[in-house]
């Protein structure tokens, strides 16, 4: 179980800080929720404590792991399906895992693909969402602001 002040990642939403633990009544049942404050767009998210583990919630990575993530971002584009529909589904599965390396691969591959030939509207939205998830974790792991983290990601992608 996490506690107030912990920095955690909620897959598909991004990283945040647990601000509170509150009891809420939902459909006649009383449940405990983490109240997460996300650094991007100053959003708050309620996360049911009893399903946090199943949802893949984990602690924010440390600096050593972030260094490895930056290495992933700097690599060449990985192999992806040519069919955009298959590629989209494959990327969505990676993002859903909440694994920062998978998210970084999606960001890198879509960013490079966008530079090479452009993306469909759906893939452009996925790139934007994936990038926000990655940036939110970088903000909390390295104590950066959003612009600094975004610049670092953009400068690192394809830098080899």
Foldseek 3Di string as FASTA:
>chain_A
DDDAQFWKAQFLQAIFGQHDWDWDADPNDIFIWGWTQFQPPRDTDTHTPVCRVVQQMDGQDAPVVVVVLLVLQQDDQDDADPPVVRRLVVLVVLRSNRPLNSLSNLLLNLVVVCVVPRDDPSSVVSNVSSLSNNLRSCCVRVVDHSVVSSVSSVCSHNND
